[in-house]
Amino acid sequence: MTFPKDKDLESILNEIQDQEPTLVIDFKTSSKSDILKYQLCQEFVRVLKEEKISQVQLAKSLGVDKAIVNKIIHHKINTFTVDRLMDLFSSIRSLEVFVKAS
């Protein structure tokens, strides 16, 4: 058995990178802060897809380690606070937040 070629590894990594999030939350029962964190993570995924950049490239833009970006795009929302995600996102794109009282 031989080790896969670089081209094959790159293809596999690209395929894995485009996978949907690993966490799905219930919007009816989740806390408002968890829903907001989830939605912010979705925005990071959107940036990756729209700009067609890698996690490594996004990590460089954010000034963080790739592991942080990986946790964000896999929606590991318990790892982050709302303000941390907002600060990170606003460092690469403008961010508007609307609050609606019911």
Protein backbone atom coordinates (compact mmCIF):
# COMPACT_ATOMS: atom_id res chain seq x y z
CA MET A 1 0.00 0.00 0.00
CA THR A 2 1.35 3.44 -0.93
CA PHE A 3 0.62 6.85 0.44
CA PRO A 4 -1.84 8.90 -1.69
CA LYS A 5 -0.39 11.47 -4.07
CA ASP A 6 -0.55 15.17 -3.19
CA LYS A 7 -3.15 15.76 -5.90
CA ASP A 8 -5.41 13.06 -4.45
CA LEU A 9 -5.02 14.41 -0.92
CA GLU A 10 -5.83 17.93 -2.08
CA SER A 11 -8.95 16.67 -3.85
CA ILE A 12 -10.11 14.87 -0.71
CA LEU A 13 -9.43 17.89 1.49
CA ASN A 14 -11.39 20.15 -0.87
CA GLU A 15 -14.30 17.73 -0.80
CA ILE A 16 -14.30 17.54 2.98
CA GLN A 17 -14.02 21.30 3.36
CA ASP A 18 -17.30 21.84 1.49
CA GLN A 19 -19.31 19.60 3.81
CA GLU A 20 -22.31 20.99 5.60
CA PRO A 21 -22.02 21.88 9.29
CA THR A 22 -21.76 19.12 11.84
CA LEU A 23 -24.10 20.75 14.33
CA VAL A 24 -27.74 21.50 13.71
CA ILE A 25 -29.72 23.23 16.41
CA ASP A 26 -33.41 23.31 17.16
CA PHE A 27 -34.47 26.91 16.74
CA LYS A 28 -37.58 26.31 18.87
CA THR A 29 -35.79 25.06 21.97
CA SER A 30 -32.30 26.59 21.75
CA SER A 31 -31.36 29.74 23.63
CA LYS A 32 -31.28 33.02 21.73
CA SER A 33 -27.51 33.27 22.21
CA ASP A 34 -26.97 29.77 20.78
CA ILE A 35 -29.12 30.63 17.78
CA LEU A 36 -27.14 33.82 17.22
CA LYS A 37 -23.83 31.95 17.51
CA TYR A 38 -25.08 29.33 15.06
CA GLN A 39 -26.13 32.02 12.58
CA LEU A 40 -22.76 33.75 12.90
CA CYS A 41 -21.00 30.45 12.18
CA GLN A 42 -23.21 30.11 9.10
CA GLU A 43 -21.91 33.48 7.91
CA PHE A 44 -18.32 32.25 8.14
CA VAL A 45 -19.27 29.22 6.05
CA ARG A 46 -20.88 31.58 3.54
CA VAL A 47 -17.62 33.59 3.32
CA LEU A 48 -15.64 30.41 2.61
CA LYS A 49 -18.01 29.42 -0.16
CA GLU A 50 -18.52 32.86 -1.71
CA GLU A 51 -14.84 33.75 -1.76
CA LYS A 52 -13.77 30.18 -2.56
CA ILE A 53 -11.01 30.30 0.02
CA SER A 54 -9.59 27.64 2.30
CA GLN A 55 -9.85 27.48 6.07
CA VAL A 56 -6.16 28.35 6.20
CA GLN A 57 -6.72 31.50 4.13
CA LEU A 58 -9.66 32.52 6.29
CA ALA A 59 -7.61 31.90 9.44
CA LYS A 60 -4.89 34.21 8.11
CA SER A 61 -7.47 36.91 7.34
CA LEU A 62 -8.86 36.60 10.86
CA GLY A 63 -5.44 36.41 12.49
CA VAL A 64 -6.23 33.11 14.22
CA ASP A 65 -5.14 29.50 14.02
CA LYS A 66 -6.80 27.17 11.50
CA ALA A 67 -8.18 25.13 14.39
CA ILE A 68 -10.30 28.11 15.44
CA VAL A 69 -11.75 28.42 11.94
CA ASN A 70 -12.41 24.69 11.86
CA LYS A 71 -14.40 24.94 15.10
CA ILE A 72 -16.36 27.87 13.68
CA ILE A 73 -17.31 26.21 10.41
CA HIS A 74 -18.30 23.03 12.23
CA HIS A 75 -20.53 25.12 14.47
CA LYS A 76 -18.85 24.28 17.75
CA ILE A 77 -20.89 27.06 19.32
CA ASN A 78 -20.07 26.11 22.91
CA THR A 79 -16.45 27.04 22.18
CA PHE A 80 -17.24 30.70 21.52
CA THR A 81 -19.07 33.65 22.97
CA VAL A 82 -21.34 35.79 20.83
CA ASP A 83 -19.01 38.77 21.12
CA ARG A 84 -15.97 36.70 20.08
CA LEU A 85 -17.72 35.51 16.92
CA MET A 86 -19.00 39.01 16.18
CA ASP A 87 -15.54 40.51 16.64
CA LEU A 88 -13.96 37.91 14.36
CA PHE A 89 -16.58 38.29 11.66
CA SER A 90 -16.53 42.08 11.73
CA SER A 91 -12.78 41.95 11.12
CA ILE A 92 -13.43 40.58 7.61
CA ARG A 93 -16.91 41.88 6.71
CA SER A 94 -19.28 44.54 7.91
CA LEU A 95 -21.79 43.27 10.40
CA GLU A 96 -25.26 44.65 11.13
CA VAL A 97 -27.32 43.27 13.96
CA PHE A 98 -31.04 43.91 14.33
CA VAL A 99 -32.91 43.21 17.53
CA LYS A 100 -36.65 42.61 17.46
CA ALA A 101 -38.60 42.51 20.70
CA SER A 102 -41.70 40.37 20.77
